Amino acid sequence: PGTTALLQEYALFLDVCANNEREAEKYRTQAALVETGPGLVSEEMKEDEEKARSAATSDTEKSRSLMLKWIATWSGSVLGTELKEVHSIHWRVQLFVFLLVAVSTLGWVLSDQILFDSMVKEDITLIEQTGLFRTFTITSNFLYRSQYLAAHNNHSHDIERAQEEFMHEADKIREGHHKKFEGLRWYQRDTYTTPDHELLVPMAGHFDFKHEYIDYWTMGGDIARRLERMASMDHEEIMRGGYTNESSQGNLAGVWLMENTYRVILPTTEEIVGMYEDMVKEFGHLTTTLVTVNVVLASLLNLGIAISVLYAVIDSVRILQ
């Protein structure tokens, strides 16, 4: 271990391979001391040593440069296959994540923006409007009776209040009926435009009824128009209430409302509400199916990500073994 040649070689190793010039210098000095003995290093030998050191440093730099160039020729092939596999896994995972986001976004758009906002909310609004239509119609029957009692008791204030209510409900029925019709889809319009509802229409001066078939759209307008007629009656006209040969147009309107409310109008509104409720249920089933499909697709994509990563890990472990 103390020979000059070995110390010089080890110093060269430290300088070139370990890149530790300071430690290499210690071993060169030790080699010089071993060769000449302690205290016998002359100036001439120091100069020779400096020259040798300079030459060695030059050789070291040249060797290091050659080594770096040589390493550069094959460093790219180290773990090249594994690096390609890592890039492949990276792109596969990114693809799966993109598909997962796309599927989730599509499911949200279909279920929330299209099915719920554009369809279900409209049907729920139509159910509400139809319910108000039914409520106003029933209330009008009680108002007709209240108006007659107020006239019989000579309560003009109650008559005016009843007539104001008639006008208010006529406006609400007409407004709600228009909203319902405007909110219909093309496959629902037949329900509003098919004249299959048979109403009894009192005939002035004949004390008889004629049978008239109208559609639901016309029915709503007829109710509002007859309420306005009932609101225009004076005290004397109200006192001649009921159906006689001398009944006024206002009283005929009241008879029309009383005869047809429970026999035709309310059953028809029940059918309309039932139609909207069935559609809401159908959209509910469709939404459930859509969410189920979305969850299954998302699960399959997550499974694909897990399988890709797992296979990559297994291959890496096998290569390392």
C-alpha atoms as a PDB file:
ATOM      1  CA  PRO A   1       0.000   0.000   0.000  1.00  0.00           C
ATOM      2  CA  GLY A   2       2.921   2.357   0.548  1.00  0.00           C
ATOM      3  CA  THR A   3       4.619   1.950  -2.831  1.00  0.00           C
ATOM      4  CA  THR A   4       5.018   4.977  -5.023  1.00  0.00           C
ATOM      5  CA  ALA A   5       3.364   3.359  -8.058  1.00  0.00           C
ATOM      6  CA  LEU A   6       0.290   2.353  -6.093  1.00  0.00           C
ATOM      7  CA  LEU A   7      -0.071   5.762  -4.496  1.00  0.00           C
ATOM      8  CA  GLN A   8       0.234   7.463  -7.890  1.00  0.00           C
ATOM      9  CA  GLU A   9      -2.341   5.114  -9.435  1.00  0.00           C
ATOM     10  CA  TYR A  10      -4.750   5.668  -6.556  1.00  0.00           C
ATOM     11  CA  ALA A  11      -4.253   9.419  -6.804  1.00  0.00           C
ATOM     12  CA  LEU A  12      -5.049   9.175 -10.529  1.00  0.00           C
ATOM     13  CA  PHE A  13      -8.179   7.168  -9.694  1.00  0.00           C
ATOM     14  CA  LEU A  14      -9.348   9.782  -7.204  1.00  0.00           C
ATOM     15  CA  ASP A  15      -8.695  12.570  -9.673  1.00  0.00           C
ATOM     16  CA  VAL A  16     -10.260  10.970 -12.747  1.00  0.00           C
ATOM     17  CA  CYS A  17     -12.976   8.674 -11.464  1.00  0.00           C
ATOM     18  CA  ALA A  18     -13.892  10.134  -8.077  1.00  0.00           C
ATOM     19  CA  ASN A  19     -13.306  13.738  -9.252  1.00  0.00           C
ATOM     20  CA  ASN A  20     -11.640  14.483  -5.899  1.00  0.00           C
ATOM     21  CA  GLU A  21      -8.577  16.511  -6.818  1.00  0.00           C
ATOM     22  CA  ARG A  22      -7.773  17.565  -3.261  1.00  0.00           C
ATOM     23  CA  GLU A  23      -7.616  13.996  -1.977  1.00  0.00           C
ATOM     24  CA  ALA A  24      -5.638  12.950  -5.049  1.00  0.00           C
ATOM     25  CA  GLU A  25      -3.090  15.680  -4.306  1.00  0.00           C
ATOM     26  CA  LYS A  26      -2.560  14.261  -0.823  1.00  0.00           C
ATOM     27  CA  TYR A  27      -1.695  10.851  -2.252  1.00  0.00           C
ATOM     28  CA  ARG A  28       0.672  12.356  -4.837  1.00  0.00           C
ATOM     29  CA  THR A  29       2.515  14.180  -2.045  1.00  0.00           C
ATOM     30  CA  GLN A  30       2.616  10.983  -0.048  1.00  0.00           C
ATOM     31  CA  ALA A  31       4.049   9.163  -3.068  1.00  0.00           C
ATOM     32  CA  ALA A  32       6.787  11.812  -3.403  1.00  0.00           C
ATOM     33  CA  LEU A  33       7.646  11.486   0.288  1.00  0.00           C
ATOM     34  CA  VAL A  34       7.817   7.724   0.011  1.00  0.00           C
ATOM     35  CA  GLU A  35      10.138   8.006  -2.973  1.00  0.00           C
ATOM     36  CA  THR A  36      12.602  10.605  -1.520  1.00  0.00           C
ATOM     37  CA  GLY A  37      12.084  10.257   2.189  1.00  0.00           C
ATOM     38  CA  PRO A  38      10.805  12.927   4.582  1.00  0.00           C
ATOM     39  CA  GLY A  39      12.607  16.240   4.402  1.00  0.00           C
ATOM     40  CA  LEU A  40      14.528  15.332   1.243  1.00  0.00           C
ATOM     41  CA  VAL A  41      12.235  16.950  -1.257  1.00  0.00           C
ATOM     42  CA  SER A  42      14.450  19.445  -3.094  1.00  0.00           C
ATOM     43  CA  GLU A  43      13.417  22.495  -5.056  1.00  0.00           C
ATOM     44  CA  GLU A  44      14.308  20.710  -8.219  1.00  0.00           C
ATOM     45  CA  MET A  45      12.096  17.811  -7.291  1.00  0.00           C
ATOM     46  CA  LYS A  46       9.287  20.214  -6.454  1.00  0.00           C
ATOM     47  CA  GLU A  47       9.581  21.743  -9.891  1.00  0.00           C
ATOM     48  CA  ASP A  48       9.566  18.302 -11.459  1.00  0.00           C
ATOM     49  CA  GLU A  49       6.556  17.414  -9.355  1.00  0.00           C
ATOM     50  CA  GLU A  50       4.740  20.586 -10.463  1.00  0.00           C
ATOM     51  CA  LYS A  51       5.451  19.737 -14.084  1.00  0.00           C
ATOM     52  CA  ALA A  52       4.301  16.181 -13.550  1.00  0.00           C
ATOM     53  CA  ARG A  53       1.212  17.431 -11.783  1.00  0.00           C
ATOM     54  CA  SER A  54       0.453  19.856 -14.597  1.00  0.00           C
ATOM     55  CA  ALA A  55       0.891  17.108 -17.131  1.00  0.00           C
ATOM     56  CA  ALA A  56      -1.262  14.780 -15.054  1.00  0.00           C
ATOM     57  CA  THR A  57      -3.970  17.435 -14.750  1.00  0.00           C
ATOM     58  CA  SER A  58      -3.891  17.953 -18.511  1.00  0.00           C
ATOM     59  CA  ASP A  59      -4.103  14.220 -19.045  1.00  0.00           C
ATOM     60  CA  THR A  60      -6.914  14.056 -16.485  1.00  0.00           C
ATOM     61  CA  GLU A  61      -8.948  16.758 -18.252  1.00  0.00           C
ATOM     62  CA  LYS A  62      -8.420  15.015 -21.561  1.00  0.00           C
ATOM     63  CA  SER A  63      -9.407  11.675 -20.059  1.00  0.00           C
ATOM     64  CA  ARG A  64     -12.486  13.206 -18.437  1.00  0.00           C
ATOM     65  CA  SER A  65     -13.531  14.829 -21.706  1.00  0.00           C
ATOM     66  CA  LEU A  66     -13.084  11.570 -23.584  1.00  0.00           C
ATOM     67  CA  MET A  67     -15.002   9.729 -20.922  1.00  0.00           C
ATOM     68  CA  LEU A  68     -17.927  12.194 -21.066  1.00  0.00           C
ATOM     69  CA  LYS A  69     -18.082  11.851 -24.833  1.00  0.00           C
ATOM     70  CA  TRP A  70     -17.998   8.081 -24.548  1.00  0.00           C
ATOM     71  CA  ILE A  71     -20.726   8.078 -21.907  1.00  0.00           C
ATOM     72  CA  ALA A  72     -22.836  10.350 -24.102  1.00  0.00           C
ATOM     73  CA  THR A  73     -22.766   7.721 -26.875  1.00  0.00           C
ATOM     74  CA  TRP A  74     -24.564   5.080 -24.826  1.00  0.00           C
ATOM     75  CA  SER A  75     -26.258   6.929 -21.913  1.00  0.00           C
ATOM     76  CA  GLY A  76     -29.459   7.332 -23.932  1.00  0.00           C
ATOM     77  CA  SER A  77     -29.872   3.581 -24.201  1.00  0.00           C
ATOM     78  CA  VAL A  78     -29.746   3.022 -20.429  1.00  0.00           C
ATOM     79  CA  LEU A  79     -33.259   1.925 -19.373  1.00  0.00           C
ATOM     80  CA  GLY A  80     -34.492   3.021 -22.814  1.00  0.00           C
ATOM     81  CA  THR A  81     -37.199   0.357 -23.014  1.00  0.00           C
ATOM     82  CA  GLU A  82     -38.370   1.121 -19.503  1.00  0.00           C
ATOM     83  CA  LEU A  83     -38.453   4.850 -20.269  1.00  0.00           C
ATOM     84  CA  LYS A  84     -40.615   4.229 -23.311  1.00  0.00           C
ATOM     85  CA  GLU A  85     -42.929   2.127 -21.186  1.00  0.00           C
ATOM     86  CA  VAL A  86     -43.190   4.935 -18.617  1.00  0.00           C
ATOM     87  CA  HIS A  87     -44.115   7.410 -21.352  1.00  0.00           C
ATOM     88  CA  SER A  88     -46.655   4.940 -22.716  1.00  0.00           C
ATOM     89  CA  ILE A  89     -48.247   4.543 -19.276  1.00  0.00           C
ATOM     90  CA  HIS A  90     -48.290   8.310 -18.853  1.00  0.00           C
ATOM     91  CA  TRP A  91     -50.211   8.806 -22.090  1.00  0.00           C
ATOM     92  CA  ARG A  92     -52.613   5.949 -21.304  1.00  0.00           C
ATOM     93  CA  VAL A  93     -53.393   7.376 -17.884  1.00  0.00           C
ATOM     94  CA  GLN A  94     -53.929  10.822 -19.393  1.00  0.00           C
ATOM     95  CA  LEU A  95     -56.279   9.331 -22.001  1.00  0.00           C
ATOM     96  CA  PHE A  96     -58.279   7.480 -19.337  1.00  0.00           C
ATOM     97  CA  VAL A  97     -58.508  10.606 -17.183  1.00  0.00           C
ATOM     98  CA  PHE A  98     -59.679  12.655 -20.186  1.00  0.00           C
ATOM     99  CA  LEU A  99     -62.346  10.063 -21.009  1.00  0.00           C
ATOM    100  CA  LEU A 100     -63.398   9.970 -17.357  1.00  0.00           C
ATOM    101  CA  VAL A 101     -63.842  13.748 -17.272  1.00  0.00           C
ATOM    102  CA  ALA A 102     -65.643  13.707 -20.630  1.00  0.00           C
ATOM    103  CA  VAL A 103     -68.064  10.969 -19.562  1.00  0.00           C
ATOM    104  CA  SER A 104     -68.783  12.658 -16.221  1.00  0.00           C
ATOM    105  CA  THR A 105     -69.336  16.037 -17.881  1.00  0.00           C
ATOM    106  CA  LEU A 106     -71.607  14.543 -20.532  1.00  0.00           C
ATOM    107  CA  GLY A 107     -73.651  12.741 -17.887  1.00  0.00           C
ATOM    108  CA  TRP A 108     -74.031  15.963 -15.884  1.00  0.00           C
ATOM    109  CA  VAL A 109     -75.068  17.975 -18.948  1.00  0.00           C
ATOM    110  CA  LEU A 110     -77.642  15.391 -20.031  1.00  0.00           C
ATOM    111  CA  SER A 111     -79.146  14.813 -16.583  1.00  0.00           C
ATOM    112  CA  ASP A 112     -79.023  18.334 -15.141  1.00  0.00           C
ATOM    113  CA  GLN A 113     -79.078  20.777 -18.034  1.00  0.00           C
ATOM    114  CA  ILE A 114     -81.253  18.890 -20.528  1.00  0.00           C
ATOM    115  CA  LEU A 115     -83.465  16.430 -18.657  1.00  0.00           C
ATOM    116  CA  PHE A 116     -84.010  18.434 -15.478  1.00  0.00           C
ATOM    117  CA  ASP A 117     -83.755  22.110 -16.448  1.00  0.00           C
ATOM    118  CA  SER A 118     -85.263  21.853 -19.929  1.00  0.00           C
ATOM    119  CA  MET A 119     -87.898  19.134 -19.389  1.00  0.00           C
ATOM    120  CA  VAL A 120     -88.651  18.144 -15.813  1.00  0.00           C
ATOM    121  CA  LYS A 121     -88.801  21.703 -14.454  1.00  0.00           C
ATOM    122  CA  GLU A 122     -91.160  22.672 -17.283  1.00  0.00           C
ATOM    123  CA  ASP A 123     -93.452  19.737 -16.511  1.00  0.00           C
ATOM    124  CA  ILE A 124     -93.433  20.591 -12.807  1.00  0.00           C
ATOM    125  CA  THR A 125     -94.353  24.186 -13.703  1.00  0.00           C
ATOM    126  CA  LEU A 126     -97.191  22.914 -15.926  1.00  0.00           C
ATOM    127  CA  ILE A 127     -98.471  20.750 -13.056  1.00  0.00           C
ATOM    128  CA  GLU A 128     -98.503  23.848 -10.853  1.00  0.00           C
ATOM    129  CA  GLN A 129    -100.315  25.924 -13.478  1.00  0.00           C
ATOM    130  CA  THR A 130    -102.925  23.208 -14.014  1.00  0.00           C
ATOM    131  CA  GLY A 131    -103.445  22.942 -10.251  1.00  0.00           C
ATOM    132  CA  LEU A 132    -104.076  26.695 -10.068  1.00  0.00           C
ATOM    133  CA  PHE A 133    -106.479  26.416 -13.020  1.00  0.00           C
ATOM    134  CA  ARG A 134    -108.437  23.805 -11.075  1.00  0.00           C
ATOM    135  CA  THR A 135    -108.379  25.863  -7.853  1.00  0.00           C
ATOM    136  CA  PHE A 136    -109.601  29.034  -9.565  1.00  0.00           C
ATOM    137  CA  THR A 137    -112.429  27.130 -11.236  1.00  0.00           C
ATOM    138  CA  ILE A 138    -113.658  25.664  -7.950  1.00  0.00           C
ATOM    139  CA  THR A 139    -113.332  29.037  -6.200  1.00  0.00           C
ATOM    140  CA  SER A 140    -115.430  30.653  -8.930  1.00  0.00           C
ATOM    141  CA  ASN A 141    -118.324  28.313  -8.125  1.00  0.00           C
ATOM    142  CA  PHE A 142    -118.293  29.460  -4.510  1.00  0.00           C
ATOM    143  CA  LEU A 143    -118.008  33.102  -5.589  1.00  0.00           C
ATOM    144  CA  TYR A 144    -121.070  32.730  -7.804  1.00  0.00           C
ATOM    145  CA  ARG A 145    -123.044  31.496  -4.810  1.00  0.00           C
ATOM    146  CA  SER A 146    -121.582  34.219  -2.538  1.00  0.00           C
ATOM    147  CA  GLN A 147    -122.482  36.877  -5.067  1.00  0.00           C
ATOM    148  CA  TYR A 148    -126.096  35.726  -5.117  1.00  0.00           C
ATOM    149  CA  LEU A 149    -126.312  35.667  -1.301  1.00  0.00           C
ATOM    150  CA  ALA A 150    -124.781  39.147  -1.087  1.00  0.00           C
ATOM    151  CA  ALA A 151    -127.386  40.472  -3.544  1.00  0.00           C
ATOM    152  CA  HIS A 152    -130.190  38.749  -1.629  1.00  0.00           C
ATOM    153  CA  ASN A 153    -128.961  40.410   1.613  1.00  0.00           C
ATOM    154  CA  ASN A 154    -128.394  43.695  -0.208  1.00  0.00           C
ATOM    155  CA  HIS A 155    -124.665  43.750   0.629  1.00  0.00           C
ATOM    156  CA  SER A 156    -123.294  45.822  -2.232  1.00  0.00           C
ATOM    157  CA  HIS A 157    -119.775  45.792  -0.843  1.00  0.00           C
ATOM    158  CA  ASP A 158    -119.674  41.975  -0.919  1.00  0.00           C
ATOM    159  CA  ILE A 159    -121.038  42.031  -4.481  1.00  0.00           C
ATOM    160  CA  GLU A 160    -118.243  44.353  -5.607  1.00  0.00           C
ATOM    161  CA  ARG A 161    -115.642  42.222  -3.869  1.00  0.00           C
ATOM    162  CA  ALA A 162    -116.985  39.060  -5.541  1.00  0.00           C
ATOM    163  CA  GLN A 163    -116.910  40.742  -8.944  1.00  0.00           C
ATOM    164  CA  GLU A 164    -113.323  41.873  -8.371  1.00  0.00           C
ATOM    165  CA  GLU A 165    -112.445  38.280  -7.544  1.00  0.00           C
ATOM    166  CA  PHE A 166    -114.150  37.105 -10.750  1.00  0.00           C
ATOM    167  CA  MET A 167    -112.018  39.483 -12.836  1.00  0.00           C
ATOM    168  CA  HIS A 168    -108.853  38.528 -10.940  1.00  0.00           C
ATOM    169  CA  GLU A 169    -109.444  34.807 -11.439  1.00  0.00           C
ATOM    170  CA  ALA A 170    -110.357  35.297 -15.102  1.00  0.00           C
ATOM    171  CA  ASP A 171    -107.028  37.049 -15.682  1.00  0.00           C
ATOM    172  CA  LYS A 172    -105.110  34.355 -13.788  1.00  0.00           C
ATOM    173  CA  ILE A 173    -106.825  31.517 -15.654  1.00  0.00           C
ATOM    174  CA  ARG A 174    -106.179  33.129 -19.037  1.00  0.00           C
ATOM    175  CA  GLU A 175    -102.533  33.918 -18.177  1.00  0.00           C
ATOM    176  CA  GLY A 176    -101.824  30.441 -16.779  1.00  0.00           C
ATOM    177  CA  HIS A 177    -103.571  28.736 -19.685  1.00  0.00           C
ATOM    178  CA  HIS A 178    -101.428  30.649 -22.180  1.00  0.00           C
ATOM    179  CA  LYS A 179     -98.258  29.693 -20.282  1.00  0.00           C
ATOM    180  CA  LYS A 180     -99.258  26.044 -20.288  1.00  0.00           C
ATOM    181  CA  PHE A 181     -99.936  26.083 -24.018  1.00  0.00           C
ATOM    182  CA  GLU A 182     -96.681  27.882 -24.811  1.00  0.00           C
ATOM    183  CA  GLY A 183     -94.733  25.353 -22.716  1.00  0.00           C
ATOM    184  CA  LEU A 184     -96.144  22.336 -24.564  1.00  0.00           C
ATOM    185  CA  ARG A 185     -93.919  20.070 -26.597  1.00  0.00           C
ATOM    186  CA  TRP A 186     -94.975  19.023 -30.065  1.00  0.00           C
ATOM    187  CA  TYR A 187     -96.169  15.584 -28.939  1.00  0.00           C
ATOM    188  CA  GLN A 188     -98.368  17.102 -26.185  1.00  0.00           C
ATOM    189  CA  ARG A 189    -100.367  19.504 -28.328  1.00  0.00           C
ATOM    190  CA  ASP A 190    -102.985  16.934 -29.305  1.00  0.00           C
ATOM    191  CA  THR A 191    -104.041  16.813 -25.645  1.00  0.00           C
ATOM    192  CA  TYR A 192    -104.908  20.522 -25.837  1.00  0.00           C
ATOM    193  CA  THR A 193    -106.332  20.719 -29.373  1.00  0.00           C
ATOM    194  CA  THR A 194    -108.453  17.564 -29.671  1.00  0.00           C
ATOM    195  CA  PRO A 195    -112.175  18.464 -29.215  1.00  0.00           C
ATOM    196  CA  ASP A 196    -113.182  15.450 -27.121  1.00  0.00           C
ATOM    197  CA  HIS A 197    -114.671  17.165 -24.038  1.00  0.00           C
ATOM    198  CA  GLU A 198    -118.498  17.282 -23.967  1.00  0.00           C
ATOM    199  CA  LEU A 199    -119.935  20.326 -22.194  1.00  0.00           C
ATOM    200  CA  LEU A 200    -123.506  21.357 -21.464  1.00  0.00           C
ATOM    201  CA  VAL A 201    -124.269  24.844 -22.760  1.00  0.00           C
ATOM    202  CA  PRO A 202    -127.476  26.530 -21.465  1.00  0.00           C
ATOM    203  CA  MET A 203    -129.550  28.085 -24.259  1.00  0.00           C
ATOM    204  CA  ALA A 204    -131.075  31.503 -23.664  1.00  0.00           C
ATOM    205  CA  GLY A 205    -134.884  31.550 -23.867  1.00  0.00           C
ATOM    206  CA  HIS A 206    -135.210  27.795 -24.328  1.00  0.00           C
ATOM    207  CA  PHE A 207    -134.547  26.423 -20.849  1.00  0.00           C
ATOM    208  CA  ASP A 208    -132.555  23.653 -22.401  1.00  0.00           C
ATOM    209  CA  PHE A 209    -128.934  22.568 -22.828  1.00  0.00           C
ATOM    210  CA  LYS A 210    -127.051  21.783 -25.970  1.00  0.00           C
ATOM    211  CA  HIS A 211    -124.101  19.418 -26.083  1.00  0.00           C
ATOM    212  CA  GLU A 212    -120.895  20.970 -27.318  1.00  0.00           C
ATOM    213  CA  TYR A 213    -117.531  19.262 -27.899  1.00  0.00           C
ATOM    214  CA  ILE A 214    -114.537  21.494 -27.362  1.00  0.00           C
ATOM    215  CA  ASP A 215    -110.818  21.037 -26.741  1.00  0.00           C
ATOM    216  CA  TYR A 216    -108.965  21.817 -23.535  1.00  0.00           C
ATOM    217  CA  TRP A 217    -107.407  24.977 -24.983  1.00  0.00           C
ATOM    218  CA  THR A 218    -110.847  26.425 -25.839  1.00  0.00           C
ATOM    219  CA  MET A 219    -112.200  25.339 -22.453  1.00  0.00           C
ATOM    220  CA  GLY A 220    -109.755  27.575 -20.602  1.00  0.00           C
ATOM    221  CA  GLY A 221    -110.702  30.603 -22.695  1.00  0.00           C
ATOM    222  CA  ASP A 222    -114.429  29.898 -22.215  1.00  0.00           C
ATOM    223  CA  ILE A 223    -114.048  29.778 -18.437  1.00  0.00           C
ATOM    224  CA  ALA A 224    -112.231  33.128 -18.346  1.00  0.00           C
ATOM    225  CA  ARG A 225    -114.784  34.736 -20.682  1.00  0.00           C
ATOM    226  CA  ARG A 226    -117.758  33.539 -18.626  1.00  0.00           C
ATOM    227  CA  LEU A 227    -116.165  34.728 -15.381  1.00  0.00           C
ATOM    228  CA  GLU A 228    -115.896  38.192 -16.906  1.00  0.00           C
ATOM    229  CA  ARG A 229    -119.603  38.029 -17.796  1.00  0.00           C
ATOM    230  CA  MET A 230    -120.467  37.054 -14.235  1.00  0.00           C
ATOM    231  CA  ALA A 231    -118.408  40.009 -12.955  1.00  0.00           C
ATOM    232  CA  SER A 232    -120.426  42.453 -15.086  1.00  0.00           C
ATOM    233  CA  MET A 233    -123.874  41.672 -13.621  1.00  0.00           C
ATOM    234  CA  ASP A 234    -125.762  44.360 -11.677  1.00  0.00           C
ATOM    235  CA  HIS A 235    -127.814  43.811  -8.517  1.00  0.00           C
ATOM    236  CA  GLU A 236    -131.113  43.145 -10.269  1.00  0.00           C
ATOM    237  CA  GLU A 237    -129.540  40.733 -12.710  1.00  0.00           C
ATOM    238  CA  ILE A 238    -127.907  38.793  -9.884  1.00  0.00           C
ATOM    239  CA  MET A 239    -131.235  38.487  -8.081  1.00  0.00           C
ATOM    240  CA  ARG A 240    -132.637  36.694 -11.128  1.00  0.00           C
ATOM    241  CA  GLY A 241    -130.041  33.983 -10.581  1.00  0.00           C
ATOM    242  CA  GLY A 242    -130.467  30.429 -11.769  1.00  0.00           C
ATOM    243  CA  TYR A 243    -131.611  29.116 -15.118  1.00  0.00           C
ATOM    244  CA  THR A 244    -134.906  30.471 -16.417  1.00  0.00           C
ATOM    245  CA  ASN A 245    -136.261  31.575 -19.738  1.00  0.00           C
ATOM    246  CA  GLU A 246    -135.298  35.125 -18.796  1.00  0.00           C
ATOM    247  CA  SER A 247    -131.774  34.407 -17.603  1.00  0.00           C
ATOM    248  CA  SER A 248    -129.184  37.011 -18.558  1.00  0.00           C
ATOM    249  CA  GLN A 249    -125.873  36.229 -20.172  1.00  0.00           C
ATOM    250  CA  GLY A 250    -124.188  36.579 -16.776  1.00  0.00           C
ATOM    251  CA  ASN A 251    -126.509  34.067 -15.140  1.00  0.00           C
ATOM    252  CA  LEU A 252    -126.190  31.710 -18.132  1.00  0.00           C
ATOM    253  CA  ALA A 253    -122.436  31.919 -17.626  1.00  0.00           C
ATOM    254  CA  GLY A 254    -122.900  30.958 -13.983  1.00  0.00           C
ATOM    255  CA  VAL A 255    -125.123  28.026 -14.934  1.00  0.00           C
ATOM    256  CA  TRP A 256    -122.545  26.889 -17.496  1.00  0.00           C
ATOM    257  CA  LEU A 257    -119.826  26.990 -14.818  1.00  0.00           C
ATOM    258  CA  MET A 258    -121.911  25.108 -12.214  1.00  0.00           C
ATOM    259  CA  GLU A 259    -123.005  22.428 -14.688  1.00  0.00           C
ATOM    260  CA  ASN A 260    -119.584  21.692 -16.156  1.00  0.00           C
ATOM    261  CA  THR A 261    -117.062  22.219 -13.317  1.00  0.00           C
ATOM    262  CA  TYR A 262    -117.425  18.891 -11.554  1.00  0.00           C
ATOM    263  CA  ARG A 263    -118.708  16.942 -14.521  1.00  0.00           C
ATOM    264  CA  VAL A 264    -116.106  17.880 -17.161  1.00  0.00           C
ATOM    265  CA  ILE A 265    -113.586  20.557 -16.160  1.00  0.00           C
ATOM    266  CA  LEU A 266    -112.128  18.963 -13.010  1.00  0.00           C
ATOM    267  CA  PRO A 267    -111.807  15.441 -14.517  1.00  0.00           C
ATOM    268  CA  THR A 268    -110.077  16.986 -17.518  1.00  0.00           C
ATOM    269  CA  THR A 269    -107.570  18.862 -15.336  1.00  0.00           C
ATOM    270  CA  GLU A 270    -106.918  15.622 -13.440  1.00  0.00           C
ATOM    271  CA  GLU A 271    -106.067  13.928 -16.741  1.00  0.00           C
ATOM    272  CA  ILE A 272    -103.723  16.776 -17.686  1.00  0.00           C
ATOM    273  CA  VAL A 273    -101.968  16.684 -14.295  1.00  0.00           C
ATOM    274  CA  GLY A 274    -101.680  12.895 -14.571  1.00  0.00           C
ATOM    275  CA  MET A 275    -100.073  13.257 -18.001  1.00  0.00           C
ATOM    276  CA  TYR A 276     -97.457  15.679 -16.654  1.00  0.00           C
ATOM    277  CA  GLU A 277     -96.798  13.500 -13.606  1.00  0.00           C
ATOM    278  CA  ASP A 278     -96.283  10.440 -15.820  1.00  0.00           C
ATOM    279  CA  MET A 279     -93.777  12.403 -17.897  1.00  0.00           C
ATOM    280  CA  VAL A 280     -91.889  13.489 -14.778  1.00  0.00           C
ATOM    281  CA  LYS A 281     -91.737   9.833 -13.674  1.00  0.00           C
ATOM    282  CA  GLU A 282     -90.483   8.784 -17.119  1.00  0.00           C
ATOM    283  CA  PHE A 283     -87.758  11.407 -16.982  1.00  0.00           C
ATOM    284  CA  GLY A 284     -86.901  10.169 -13.485  1.00  0.00           C
ATOM    285  CA  HIS A 285     -86.443   6.621 -14.802  1.00  0.00           C
ATOM    286  CA  LEU A 286     -84.401   7.940 -17.721  1.00  0.00           C
ATOM    287  CA  THR A 287     -82.206   9.959 -15.373  1.00  0.00           C
ATOM    288  CA  THR A 288     -81.663   6.899 -13.172  1.00  0.00           C
ATOM    289  CA  THR A 289     -80.618   4.875 -16.222  1.00  0.00           C
ATOM    290  CA  LEU A 290     -78.297   7.651 -17.370  1.00  0.00           C
ATOM    291  CA  VAL A 291     -76.650   7.960 -13.955  1.00  0.00           C
ATOM    292  CA  THR A 292     -76.218   4.176 -13.785  1.00  0.00           C
ATOM    293  CA  VAL A 293     -74.553   4.087 -17.214  1.00  0.00           C
ATOM    294  CA  ASN A 294     -72.359   7.029 -16.227  1.00  0.00           C
ATOM    295  CA  VAL A 295     -71.249   5.307 -13.016  1.00  0.00           C
ATOM    296  CA  VAL A 296     -70.506   2.045 -14.864  1.00  0.00           C
ATOM    297  CA  LEU A 297     -68.420   3.845 -17.510  1.00  0.00           C
ATOM    298  CA  ALA A 298     -66.548   5.824 -14.857  1.00  0.00           C
ATOM    299  CA  SER A 299     -65.843   2.606 -12.941  1.00  0.00           C
ATOM    300  CA  LEU A 300     -64.537   0.891 -16.088  1.00  0.00           C
ATOM    301  CA  LEU A 301     -62.256   3.841 -16.822  1.00  0.00           C
ATOM    302  CA  ASN A 302     -60.913   3.823 -13.270  1.00  0.00           C
ATOM    303  CA  LEU A 303     -60.365   0.087 -13.590  1.00  0.00           C
ATOM    304  CA  GLY A 304     -58.473   0.691 -16.837  1.00  0.00           C
ATOM    305  CA  ILE A 305     -56.194   3.182 -15.102  1.00  0.00           C
ATOM    306  CA  ALA A 306     -55.546   0.757 -12.243  1.00  0.00           C
ATOM    307  CA  ILE A 307     -54.786  -2.152 -14.599  1.00  0.00           C
ATOM    308  CA  SER A 308     -52.380  -0.062 -16.701  1.00  0.00           C
ATOM    309  CA  VAL A 309     -50.439   1.132 -13.674  1.00  0.00           C
ATOM    310  CA  LEU A 310     -50.440  -2.349 -12.105  1.00  0.00           C
ATOM    311  CA  TYR A 311     -49.080  -4.037 -15.232  1.00  0.00           C
ATOM    312  CA  ALA A 312     -46.392  -1.371 -15.480  1.00  0.00           C
ATOM    313  CA  VAL A 313     -45.322  -1.966 -11.890  1.00  0.00           C
ATOM    314  CA  ILE A 314     -45.217  -5.739 -12.438  1.00  0.00           C
ATOM    315  CA  ASP A 315     -43.074  -5.322 -15.579  1.00  0.00           C
ATOM    316  CA  SER A 316     -40.687  -2.982 -13.753  1.00  0.00           C
ATOM    317  CA  VAL A 317     -40.268  -5.423 -10.890  1.00  0.00           C
ATOM    318  CA  ARG A 318     -39.611  -8.294 -13.325  1.00  0.00           C
ATOM    319  CA  ILE A 319     -36.964  -6.257 -15.180  1.00  0.00           C
ATOM    320  CA  LEU A 320     -35.228  -5.295 -11.956  1.00  0.00           C
ATOM    321  CA  GLN A 321     -35.125  -8.936 -10.881  1.00  0.00           C
END
